[in-house]
Amino acid sequence: CRASIDRIVALYQDMEALEQGGWSNHSGGEHIQLCHSH
């Protein structure tokens, strides 16, 4: 149970990091900025 919980939580936290920080935590803080124009 603990091994499975560890694996689930690790996946969940990494996806949360992607959602909140985009690519910033995976490219040394530098990454291409995407935005939408009017």
PDB file of all heavy atoms in Angstrom:
ATOM      1  N   CYS A   1       0.832  -1.204   0.000  1.00  0.00           N
ATOM      2  CA  CYS A   1       0.000   0.000   0.000  1.00  0.00           C
ATOM      3  C   CYS A   1       0.866   1.253   0.000  1.00  0.00           C
ATOM      4  O   CYS A   1       0.610   2.200  -0.740  1.00  0.00           O
ATOM      5  CB  CYS A   1      -0.930  -0.017   1.212  1.00  0.00           C
ATOM      6  SG  CYS A   1      -2.106   1.355   1.261  1.00  0.00           S
ATOM      7  N   ARG A   2       1.906   1.243   0.827  1.00  0.00           N
ATOM      8  CA  ARG A   2       2.768   2.423   0.901  1.00  0.00           C
ATOM      9  C   ARG A   2       3.495   2.661  -0.417  1.00  0.00           C
ATOM     10  O   ARG A   2       3.614   3.806  -0.872  1.00  0.00           O
ATOM     11  CB  ARG A   2       3.786   2.257   2.030  1.00  0.00           C
ATOM     12  CG  ARG A   2       4.738   3.433   2.119  1.00  0.00           C
ATOM     13  CD  ARG A   2       5.591   3.406   3.350  1.00  0.00           C
ATOM     14  NE  ARG A   2       6.451   4.584   3.405  1.00  0.00           N
ATOM     15  CZ  ARG A   2       7.232   4.894   4.429  1.00  0.00           C
ATOM     16  NH1 ARG A   2       7.255   4.112   5.498  1.00  0.00           N
ATOM     17  NH2 ARG A   2       7.972   5.970   4.402  1.00  0.00           N
ATOM     18  N   ALA A   3       3.986   1.574  -1.029  1.00  0.00           N
ATOM     19  CA  ALA A   3       4.680   1.732  -2.306  1.00  0.00           C
ATOM     20  C   ALA A   3       3.753   2.335  -3.356  1.00  0.00           C
ATOM     21  O   ALA A   3       4.147   3.231  -4.109  1.00  0.00           O
ATOM     22  CB  ALA A   3       5.218   0.381  -2.774  1.00  0.00           C
ATOM     23  N   SER A   4       2.513   1.867  -3.405  1.00  0.00           N
ATOM     24  CA  SER A   4       1.560   2.399  -4.391  1.00  0.00           C
ATOM     25  C   SER A   4       1.190   3.847  -4.075  1.00  0.00           C
ATOM     26  O   SER A   4       1.074   4.675  -4.980  1.00  0.00           O
ATOM     27  CB  SER A   4       0.304   1.525  -4.424  1.00  0.00           C
ATOM     28  OG  SER A   4       0.587   0.259  -4.962  1.00  0.00           O
ATOM     29  N   ILE A   5       1.001   4.164  -2.797  1.00  0.00           N
ATOM     30  CA  ILE A   5       0.697   5.547  -2.420  1.00  0.00           C
ATOM     31  C   ILE A   5       1.844   6.472  -2.800  1.00  0.00           C
ATOM     32  O   ILE A   5       1.625   7.579  -3.321  1.00  0.00           O
ATOM     33  CB  ILE A   5       0.388   5.635  -0.915  1.00  0.00           C
ATOM     34  CG1 ILE A   5      -0.979   4.989  -0.614  1.00  0.00           C
ATOM     35  CG2 ILE A   5       0.388   7.080  -0.440  1.00  0.00           C
ATOM     36  CD1 ILE A   5      -1.311   4.913   0.856  1.00  0.00           C
ATOM     37  N   ASP A   6       3.091   6.023  -2.577  1.00  0.00           N
ATOM     38  CA  ASP A   6       4.257   6.832  -2.957  1.00  0.00           C
ATOM     39  C   ASP A   6       4.221   7.139  -4.456  1.00  0.00           C
ATOM     40  O   ASP A   6       4.474   8.279  -4.880  1.00  0.00           O
ATOM     41  CB  ASP A   6       5.555   6.087  -2.617  1.00  0.00           C
ATOM     42  CG  ASP A   6       5.851   6.091  -1.123  1.00  0.00           C
ATOM     43  OD1 ASP A   6       5.253   6.913  -0.401  1.00  0.00           O
ATOM     44  OD2 ASP A   6       6.675   5.265  -0.683  1.00  0.00           O
ATOM     45  N   ARG A   7       3.918   6.138  -5.256  1.00  0.00           N
ATOM     46  CA  ARG A   7       3.932   6.315  -6.712  1.00  0.00           C
ATOM     47  C   ARG A   7       2.786   7.209  -7.172  1.00  0.00           C
ATOM     48  O   ARG A   7       2.950   8.029  -8.076  1.00  0.00           O
ATOM     49  CB  ARG A   7       3.861   4.949  -7.391  1.00  0.00           C
ATOM     50  CG  ARG A   7       5.146   4.140  -7.258  1.00  0.00           C
ATOM     51  CD  ARG A   7       4.967   2.672  -7.655  1.00  0.00           C
ATOM     52  NE  ARG A   7       4.511   2.517  -9.010  1.00  0.00           N
ATOM     53  CZ  ARG A   7       5.299   2.583 -10.098  1.00  0.00           C
ATOM     54  NH1 ARG A   7       6.598   2.828  -9.944  1.00  0.00           N
ATOM     55  NH2 ARG A   7       4.810   2.418 -11.306  1.00  0.00           N
ATOM     56  N   ILE A   8       1.623   7.068  -6.544  1.00  0.00           N
ATOM     57  CA  ILE A   8       0.480   7.921  -6.918  1.00  0.00           C
ATOM     58  C   ILE A   8       0.755   9.376  -6.545  1.00  0.00           C
ATOM     59  O   ILE A   8       0.527  10.296  -7.339  1.00  0.00           O
ATOM     60  CB  ILE A   8      -0.803   7.424  -6.233  1.00  0.00           C
ATOM     61  CG1 ILE A   8      -1.182   6.041  -6.744  1.00  0.00           C
ATOM     62  CG2 ILE A   8      -1.959   8.395  -6.483  1.00  0.00           C
ATOM     63  CD1 ILE A   8      -2.266   5.375  -5.925  1.00  0.00           C
ATOM     64  N   VAL A   9       1.227   9.584  -5.329  1.00  0.00           N
ATOM     65  CA  VAL A   9       1.474  10.954  -4.851  1.00  0.00           C
ATOM     66  C   VAL A   9       2.565  11.624  -5.686  1.00  0.00           C
ATOM     67  O   VAL A   9       2.459  12.816  -6.019  1.00  0.00           O
ATOM     68  CB  VAL A   9       1.841  10.940  -3.357  1.00  0.00           C
ATOM     69  CG1 VAL A   9       2.340  12.312  -2.910  1.00  0.00           C
ATOM     70  CG2 VAL A   9       0.637  10.530  -2.522  1.00  0.00           C
ATOM     71  N   ALA A  10       3.609  10.873  -6.041  1.00  0.00           N
ATOM     72  CA  ALA A  10       4.674  11.451  -6.871  1.00  0.00           C
ATOM     73  C   ALA A  10       4.125  11.910  -8.219  1.00  0.00           C
ATOM     74  O   ALA A  10       4.444  13.010  -8.692  1.00  0.00           O
ATOM     75  CB  ALA A  10       5.791  10.424  -7.067  1.00  0.00           C
ATOM     76  N   LEU A  11       3.284  11.077  -8.843  1.00  0.00           N
ATOM     77  CA  LEU A  11       2.683  11.468 -10.121  1.00  0.00           C
ATOM     78  C   LEU A  11       1.768  12.672  -9.944  1.00  0.00           C
ATOM     79  O   LEU A  11       1.803  13.619 -10.745  1.00  0.00           O
ATOM     80  CB  LEU A  11       1.900  10.286 -10.696  1.00  0.00           C
ATOM     81  CG  LEU A  11       1.120  10.545 -11.991  1.00  0.00           C
ATOM     82  CD1 LEU A  11       2.053  10.941 -13.123  1.00  0.00           C
ATOM     83  CD2 LEU A  11       0.286   9.327 -12.382  1.00  0.00           C
ATOM     84  N   TYR A  12       0.958  12.652  -8.911  1.00  0.00           N
ATOM     85  CA  TYR A  12       0.017  13.758  -8.666  1.00  0.00           C
ATOM     86  C   TYR A  12       0.774  15.069  -8.433  1.00  0.00           C
ATOM     87  O   TYR A  12       0.420  16.118  -8.999  1.00  0.00           O
ATOM     88  CB  TYR A  12      -0.852  13.422  -7.454  1.00  0.00           C
ATOM     89  CG  TYR A  12      -1.773  14.535  -7.030  1.00  0.00           C
ATOM     90  CD1 TYR A  12      -2.949  14.799  -7.733  1.00  0.00           C
ATOM     91  CD2 TYR A  12      -1.476  15.333  -5.927  1.00  0.00           C
ATOM     92  CE1 TYR A  12      -3.791  15.823  -7.348  1.00  0.00           C
ATOM     93  CE2 TYR A  12      -2.313  16.353  -5.535  1.00  0.00           C
ATOM     94  CZ  TYR A  12      -3.468  16.597  -6.249  1.00  0.00           C
ATOM     95  OH  TYR A  12      -4.297  17.614  -5.866  1.00  0.00           O
ATOM     96  N   GLN A  13       1.826  15.034  -7.626  1.00  0.00           N
ATOM     97  CA  GLN A  13       2.577  16.255  -7.327  1.00  0.00           C
ATOM     98  C   GLN A  13       3.307  16.787  -8.559  1.00  0.00           C
ATOM     99  O   GLN A  13       3.379  18.006  -8.757  1.00  0.00           O
ATOM    100  CB  GLN A  13       3.555  15.981  -6.189  1.00  0.00           C
ATOM    101  CG  GLN A  13       2.883  15.769  -4.847  1.00  0.00           C
ATOM    102  CD  GLN A  13       3.847  15.413  -3.740  1.00  0.00           C
ATOM    103  OE1 GLN A  13       4.954  14.909  -4.002  1.00  0.00           O
ATOM    104  NE2 GLN A  13       3.458  15.657  -2.501  1.00  0.00           N
ATOM    105  N   ASP A  14       3.830  15.887  -9.383  1.00  0.00           N
ATOM    106  CA  ASP A  14       4.515  16.344 -10.601  1.00  0.00           C
ATOM    107  C   ASP A  14       3.531  16.973 -11.586  1.00  0.00           C
ATOM    108  O   ASP A  14       3.866  17.949 -12.269  1.00  0.00           O
ATOM    109  CB  ASP A  14       5.259  15.181 -11.255  1.00  0.00           C
ATOM    110  CG  ASP A  14       6.503  14.781 -10.477  1.00  0.00           C
ATOM    111  OD1 ASP A  14       6.954  15.580  -9.634  1.00  0.00           O
ATOM    112  OD2 ASP A  14       7.011  13.672 -10.695  1.00  0.00           O
ATOM    113  N   MET A  15       2.328  16.432 -11.671  1.00  0.00           N
ATOM    114  CA  MET A  15       1.323  17.047 -12.547  1.00  0.00           C
ATOM    115  C   MET A  15       0.846  18.381 -11.977  1.00  0.00           C
ATOM    116  O   MET A  15       0.578  19.320 -12.724  1.00  0.00           O
ATOM    117  CB  MET A  15       0.155  16.091 -12.754  1.00  0.00           C
ATOM    118  CG  MET A  15       0.502  14.916 -13.643  1.00  0.00           C
ATOM    119  SD  MET A  15      -0.928  14.000 -14.276  1.00  0.00           S
ATOM    120  CE  MET A  15      -1.668  13.423 -12.754  1.00  0.00           C
ATOM    121  N   GLU A  16       0.755  18.478 -10.638  1.00  0.00           N
ATOM    122  CA  GLU A  16       0.413  19.760 -10.027  1.00  0.00           C
ATOM    123  C   GLU A  16       1.489  20.799 -10.322  1.00  0.00           C
ATOM    124  O   GLU A  16       1.188  21.958 -10.588  1.00  0.00           O
ATOM    125  CB  GLU A  16       0.267  19.576  -8.513  1.00  0.00           C
ATOM    126  CG  GLU A  16      -1.032  18.926  -8.086  1.00  0.00           C
ATOM    127  CD  GLU A  16      -2.215  19.858  -8.245  1.00  0.00           C
ATOM    128  OE1 GLU A  16      -2.217  20.917  -7.595  1.00  0.00           O
ATOM    129  OE2 GLU A  16      -3.121  19.530  -9.042  1.00  0.00           O
ATOM    130  N   ALA A  17       2.760  20.366 -10.280  1.00  0.00           N
ATOM    131  CA  ALA A  17       3.853  21.291 -10.591  1.00  0.00           C
ATOM    132  C   ALA A  17       3.769  21.772 -12.035  1.00  0.00           C
ATOM    133  O   ALA A  17       4.003  22.949 -12.332  1.00  0.00           O
ATOM    134  CB  ALA A  17       5.201  20.612 -10.331  1.00  0.00           C
ATOM    135  N   LEU A  18       3.420  20.854 -12.955  1.00  0.00           N
ATOM    136  CA  LEU A  18       3.242  21.254 -14.352  1.00  0.00           C
ATOM    137  C   LEU A  18       2.103  22.246 -14.493  1.00  0.00           C
ATOM    138  O   LEU A  18       2.194  23.226 -15.233  1.00  0.00           O
ATOM    139  CB  LEU A  18       2.952  20.022 -15.213  1.00  0.00           C
ATOM    140  CG  LEU A  18       4.137  19.184 -15.700  1.00  0.00           C
ATOM    141  CD1 LEU A  18       3.636  18.003 -16.498  1.00  0.00           C
ATOM    142  CD2 LEU A  18       5.083  20.019 -16.531  1.00  0.00           C
ATOM    143  N   GLU A  19       1.008  22.007 -13.776  1.00  0.00           N
ATOM    144  CA  GLU A  19      -0.170  22.859 -13.880  1.00  0.00           C
ATOM    145  C   GLU A  19       0.099  24.252 -13.336  1.00  0.00           C
ATOM    146  O   GLU A  19      -0.325  25.255 -13.913  1.00  0.00           O
ATOM    147  CB  GLU A  19      -1.339  22.220 -13.123  1.00  0.00           C
ATOM    148  CG  GLU A  19      -2.659  22.950 -13.281  1.00  0.00           C
ATOM    149  CD  GLU A  19      -3.206  22.884 -14.690  1.00  0.00           C
ATOM    150  OE1 GLU A  19      -2.945  21.889 -15.397  1.00  0.00           O
ATOM    151  OE2 GLU A  19      -3.886  23.837 -15.099  1.00  0.00           O
ATOM    152  N   GLN A  20       0.828  24.320 -12.221  1.00  0.00           N
ATOM    153  CA  GLN A  20       1.042  25.608 -11.563  1.00  0.00           C
ATOM    154  C   GLN A  20       2.224  26.370 -12.138  1.00  0.00           C
ATOM    155  O   GLN A  20       2.153  27.576 -12.318  1.00  0.00           O
ATOM    156  CB  GLN A  20       1.257  25.379 -10.066  1.00  0.00           C
ATOM    157  CG  GLN A  20       0.031  24.808  -9.363  1.00  0.00           C
ATOM    158  CD  GLN A  20       0.321  24.432  -7.924  1.00  0.00           C
ATOM    159  OE1 GLN A  20       1.406  24.703  -7.398  1.00  0.00           O
ATOM    160  NE2 GLN A  20      -0.634  23.793  -7.269  1.00  0.00           N
ATOM    161  N   GLY A  21       3.302  25.626 -12.449  1.00  0.00           N
ATOM    162  CA  GLY A  21       4.510  26.321 -12.876  1.00  0.00           C
ATOM    163  C   GLY A  21       4.858  26.168 -14.324  1.00  0.00           C
ATOM    164  O   GLY A  21       5.898  26.642 -14.771  1.00  0.00           O
ATOM    165  N   GLY A  22       3.976  25.507 -15.104  1.00  0.00           N
ATOM    166  CA  GLY A  22       4.287  25.300 -16.508  1.00  0.00           C
ATOM    167  C   GLY A  22       5.562  24.505 -16.654  1.00  0.00           C
ATOM    168  O   GLY A  22       5.774  23.497 -16.005  1.00  0.00           O
ATOM    169  N   TRP A  23       6.451  25.006 -17.504  1.00  0.00           N
ATOM    170  CA  TRP A  23       7.717  24.321 -17.742  1.00  0.00           C
ATOM    171  C   TRP A  23       8.851  24.907 -16.910  1.00  0.00           C
ATOM    172  O   TRP A  23       9.990  24.482 -17.041  1.00  0.00           O
ATOM    173  CB  TRP A  23       8.099  24.457 -19.213  1.00  0.00           C
ATOM    174  CG  TRP A  23       7.211  23.743 -20.160  1.00  0.00           C
ATOM    175  CD1 TRP A  23       6.139  24.268 -20.809  1.00  0.00           C
ATOM    176  CD2 TRP A  23       7.308  22.384 -20.592  1.00  0.00           C
ATOM    177  NE1 TRP A  23       5.568  23.326 -21.617  1.00  0.00           N
ATOM    178  CE2 TRP A  23       6.269  22.156 -21.512  1.00  0.00           C
ATOM    179  CE3 TRP A  23       8.177  21.339 -20.286  1.00  0.00           C
ATOM    180  CZ2 TRP A  23       6.078  20.948 -22.130  1.00  0.00           C
ATOM    181  CZ3 TRP A  23       7.985  20.124 -20.909  1.00  0.00           C
ATOM    182  CH2 TRP A  23       6.948  19.932 -21.806  1.00  0.00           C
ATOM    183  N   SER A  24       8.546  25.895 -16.062  1.00  0.00           N
ATOM    184  CA  SER A  24       9.631  26.631 -15.423  1.00  0.00           C
ATOM    185  C   SER A  24      10.486  25.771 -14.538  1.00  0.00           C
ATOM    186  O   SER A  24      11.686  25.986 -14.406  1.00  0.00           O
ATOM    187  CB  SER A  24       9.049  27.797 -14.596  1.00  0.00           C
ATOM    188  OG  SER A  24       8.142  27.314 -13.629  1.00  0.00           O
ATOM    189  N   ASN A  25       9.892  24.746 -13.906  1.00  0.00           N
ATOM    190  CA  ASN A  25      10.685  23.926 -13.006  1.00  0.00           C
ATOM    191  C   ASN A  25      11.387  22.792 -13.743  1.00  0.00           C
ATOM    192  O   ASN A  25      12.003  21.943 -13.129  1.00  0.00           O
ATOM    193  CB  ASN A  25       9.783  23.323 -11.916  1.00  0.00           C
ATOM    194  CG  ASN A  25       8.669  22.482 -12.494  1.00  0.00           C
ATOM    195  OD1 ASN A  25       8.203  22.762 -13.582  1.00  0.00           O
ATOM    196  ND2 ASN A  25       8.247  21.477 -11.758  1.00  0.00           N
ATOM    197  N   HIS A  26      11.314  22.779 -15.076  1.00  0.00           N
ATOM    198  CA  HIS A  26      11.954  21.724 -15.829  1.00  0.00           C
ATOM    199  C   HIS A  26      12.988  22.270 -16.810  1.00  0.00           C
ATOM    200  O   HIS A  26      13.568  21.529 -17.557  1.00  0.00           O
ATOM    201  CB  HIS A  26      10.910  20.914 -16.609  1.00  0.00           C
ATOM    202  CG  HIS A  26       9.785  20.446 -15.742  1.00  0.00           C
ATOM    203  ND1 HIS A  26       9.939  19.456 -14.823  1.00  0.00           N
ATOM    204  CD2 HIS A  26       8.501  20.857 -15.646  1.00  0.00           C
ATOM    205  CE1 HIS A  26       8.782  19.246 -14.195  1.00  0.00           C
ATOM    206  NE2 HIS A  26       7.914  20.093 -14.679  1.00  0.00           N
ATOM    207  N   SER A  27      13.184  23.548 -16.824  1.00  0.00           N
ATOM    208  CA  SER A  27      14.112  24.130 -17.799  1.00  0.00           C
ATOM    209  C   SER A  27      15.043  25.135 -17.133  1.00  0.00           C
ATOM    210  O   SER A  27      15.440  26.105 -17.725  1.00  0.00           O
ATOM    211  CB  SER A  27      13.323  24.822 -18.922  1.00  0.00           C
ATOM    212  OG  SER A  27      12.358  23.973 -19.452  1.00  0.00           O
ATOM    213  N   GLY A  28      15.371  24.865 -15.898  1.00  0.00           N
ATOM    214  CA  GLY A  28      16.282  25.751 -15.199  1.00  0.00           C
ATOM    215  C   GLY A  28      15.737  27.139 -15.009  1.00  0.00           C
ATOM    216  O   GLY A  28      16.491  28.092 -14.852  1.00  0.00           O
ATOM    217  N   GLY A  29      14.434  27.322 -15.036  1.00  0.00           N
ATOM    218  CA  GLY A  29      13.823  28.632 -14.837  1.00  0.00           C
ATOM    219  C   GLY A  29      13.643  29.409 -16.127  1.00  0.00           C
ATOM    220  O   GLY A  29      12.960  30.418 -16.152  1.00  0.00           O
ATOM    221  N   GLU A  30      14.259  28.968 -17.258  1.00  0.00           N
ATOM    222  CA  GLU A  30      14.128  29.643 -18.535  1.00  0.00           C
ATOM    223  C   GLU A  30      13.295  28.776 -19.462  1.00  0.00           C
ATOM    224  O   GLU A  30      13.574  27.595 -19.653  1.00  0.00           O
ATOM    225  CB  GLU A  30      15.508  29.884 -19.160  1.00  0.00           C
ATOM    226  CG  GLU A  30      16.393  30.800 -18.339  1.00  0.00           C
ATOM    227  CD  GLU A  30      17.742  31.021 -19.010  1.00  0.00           C
ATOM    228  OE1 GLU A  30      17.986  30.370 -20.039  1.00  0.00           O
ATOM    229  OE2 GLU A  30      18.525  31.837 -18.512  1.00  0.00           O
ATOM    230  N   HIS A  31      12.274  29.362 -20.049  1.00  0.00           N
ATOM    231  CA  HIS A  31      11.448  28.611 -20.974  1.00  0.00           C
ATOM    232  C   HIS A  31      10.723  29.579 -21.895  1.00  0.00           C
ATOM    233  O   HIS A  31      10.665  30.775 -21.646  1.00  0.00           O
ATOM    234  CB  HIS A  31      10.453  27.718 -20.227  1.00  0.00           C
ATOM    235  CG  HIS A  31       9.442  28.494 -19.439  1.00  0.00           C
ATOM    236  ND1 HIS A  31       9.761  29.161 -18.285  1.00  0.00           N
ATOM    237  CD2 HIS A  31       8.117  28.711 -19.654  1.00  0.00           C
ATOM    238  CE1 HIS A  31       8.676  29.750 -17.813  1.00  0.00           C
ATOM    239  NE2 HIS A  31       7.672  29.496 -18.618  1.00  0.00           N
ATOM    240  N   ILE A  32      10.186  29.042 -22.966  1.00  0.00           N
ATOM    241  CA  ILE A  32       9.471  29.847 -23.953  1.00  0.00           C
ATOM    242  C   ILE A  32       8.108  30.224 -23.385  1.00  0.00           C
ATOM    243  O   ILE A  32       7.386  29.371 -22.867  1.00  0.00           O
ATOM    244  CB  ILE A  32       9.327  29.056 -25.261  1.00  0.00           C
ATOM    245  CG1 ILE A  32      10.714  28.758 -25.847  1.00  0.00           C
ATOM    246  CG2 ILE A  32       8.479  29.822 -26.265  1.00  0.00           C
ATOM    247  CD1 ILE A  32      10.694  27.765 -26.993  1.00  0.00           C
ATOM    248  N   GLN A  33       7.773  31.498 -23.481  1.00  0.00           N
ATOM    249  CA  GLN A  33       6.497  31.991 -22.962  1.00  0.00           C
ATOM    250  C   GLN A  33       5.429  31.928 -24.050  1.00  0.00           C
ATOM    251  O   GLN A  33       5.622  32.432 -25.152  1.00  0.00           O
ATOM    252  CB  GLN A  33       6.653  33.446 -22.481  1.00  0.00           C
ATOM    253  CG  GLN A  33       7.653  33.639 -21.355  1.00  0.00           C
ATOM    254  CD  GLN A  33       7.128  33.124 -20.025  1.00  0.00           C
ATOM    255  OE1 GLN A  33       5.926  32.946 -19.861  1.00  0.00           O
ATOM    256  NE2 GLN A  33       8.028  32.903 -19.081  1.00  0.00           N
ATOM    257  N   LEU A  34       4.304  31.281 -23.715  1.00  0.00           N
ATOM    258  CA  LEU A  34       3.156  31.230 -24.622  1.00  0.00           C
ATOM    259  C   LEU A  34       2.066  32.144 -24.089  1.00  0.00           C
ATOM    260  O   LEU A  34       1.747  32.110 -22.899  1.00  0.00           O
ATOM    261  CB  LEU A  34       2.607  29.817 -24.729  1.00  0.00           C
ATOM    262  CG  LEU A  34       3.307  28.847 -25.693  1.00  0.00           C
ATOM    263  CD1 LEU A  34       2.638  27.492 -25.615  1.00  0.00           C
ATOM    264  CD2 LEU A  34       3.257  29.361 -27.122  1.00  0.00           C
ATOM    265  N   CYS A  35       1.498  32.962 -24.959  1.00  0.00           N
ATOM    266  CA  CYS A  35       0.384  33.811 -24.545  1.00  0.00           C
ATOM    267  C   CYS A  35      -0.597  33.918 -25.716  1.00  0.00           C
ATOM    268  O   CYS A  35      -0.311  33.487 -26.835  1.00  0.00           O
ATOM    269  CB  CYS A  35       0.882  35.189 -24.112  1.00  0.00           C
ATOM    270  SG  CYS A  35       1.745  36.107 -25.401  1.00  0.00           S
ATOM    271  N   HIS A  36      -1.766  34.495 -25.454  1.00  0.00           N
ATOM    272  CA  HIS A  36      -2.798  34.633 -26.478  1.00  0.00           C
ATOM    273  C   HIS A  36      -3.049  36.117 -26.759  1.00  0.00           C
ATOM    274  O   HIS A  36      -3.235  36.913 -25.836  1.00  0.00           O
ATOM    275  CB  HIS A  36      -4.089  33.962 -26.035  1.00  0.00           C
ATOM    276  CG  HIS A  36      -4.001  32.463 -26.045  1.00  0.00           C
ATOM    277  ND1 HIS A  36      -4.309  31.706 -27.150  1.00  0.00           N
ATOM    278  CD2 HIS A  36      -3.603  31.590 -25.083  1.00  0.00           C
ATOM    279  CE1 HIS A  36      -4.131  30.424 -26.878  1.00  0.00           C
ATOM    280  NE2 HIS A  36      -3.705  30.329 -25.627  1.00  0.00           N
ATOM    281  N   SER A  37      -3.042  36.444 -28.033  1.00  0.00           N
ATOM    282  CA  SER A  37      -3.242  37.825 -28.453  1.00  0.00           C
ATOM    283  C   SER A  37      -4.732  38.104 -28.624  1.00  0.00           C
ATOM    284  O   SER A  37      -5.541  37.193 -28.794  1.00  0.00           O
ATOM    285  CB  SER A  37      -2.504  38.070 -29.766  1.00  0.00           C
ATOM    286  OG  SER A  37      -2.869  39.306 -30.327  1.00  0.00           O
ATOM    287  N   HIS A  38      -5.085  39.368 -28.593  1.00  0.00           N
ATOM    288  CA  HIS A  38      -6.460  39.783 -28.869  1.00  0.00           C
ATOM    289  C   HIS A  38      -6.656  40.084 -30.355  1.00  0.00           C
ATOM    290  O   HIS A  38      -7.728  40.541 -30.757  1.00  0.00           O
ATOM    291  CB  HIS A  38      -6.816  41.026 -28.043  1.00  0.00           C
ATOM    292  CG  HIS A  38      -6.817  40.775 -26.571  1.00  0.00           C
ATOM    293  ND1 HIS A  38      -7.709  39.923 -25.954  1.00  0.00           N
ATOM    294  CD2 HIS A  38      -6.005  41.246 -25.596  1.00  0.00           C
ATOM    295  CE1 HIS A  38      -7.470  39.890 -24.656  1.00  0.00           C
ATOM    296  NE2 HIS A  38      -6.446  40.690 -24.404  1.00  0.00           N
TER     297      HIS A  38
END
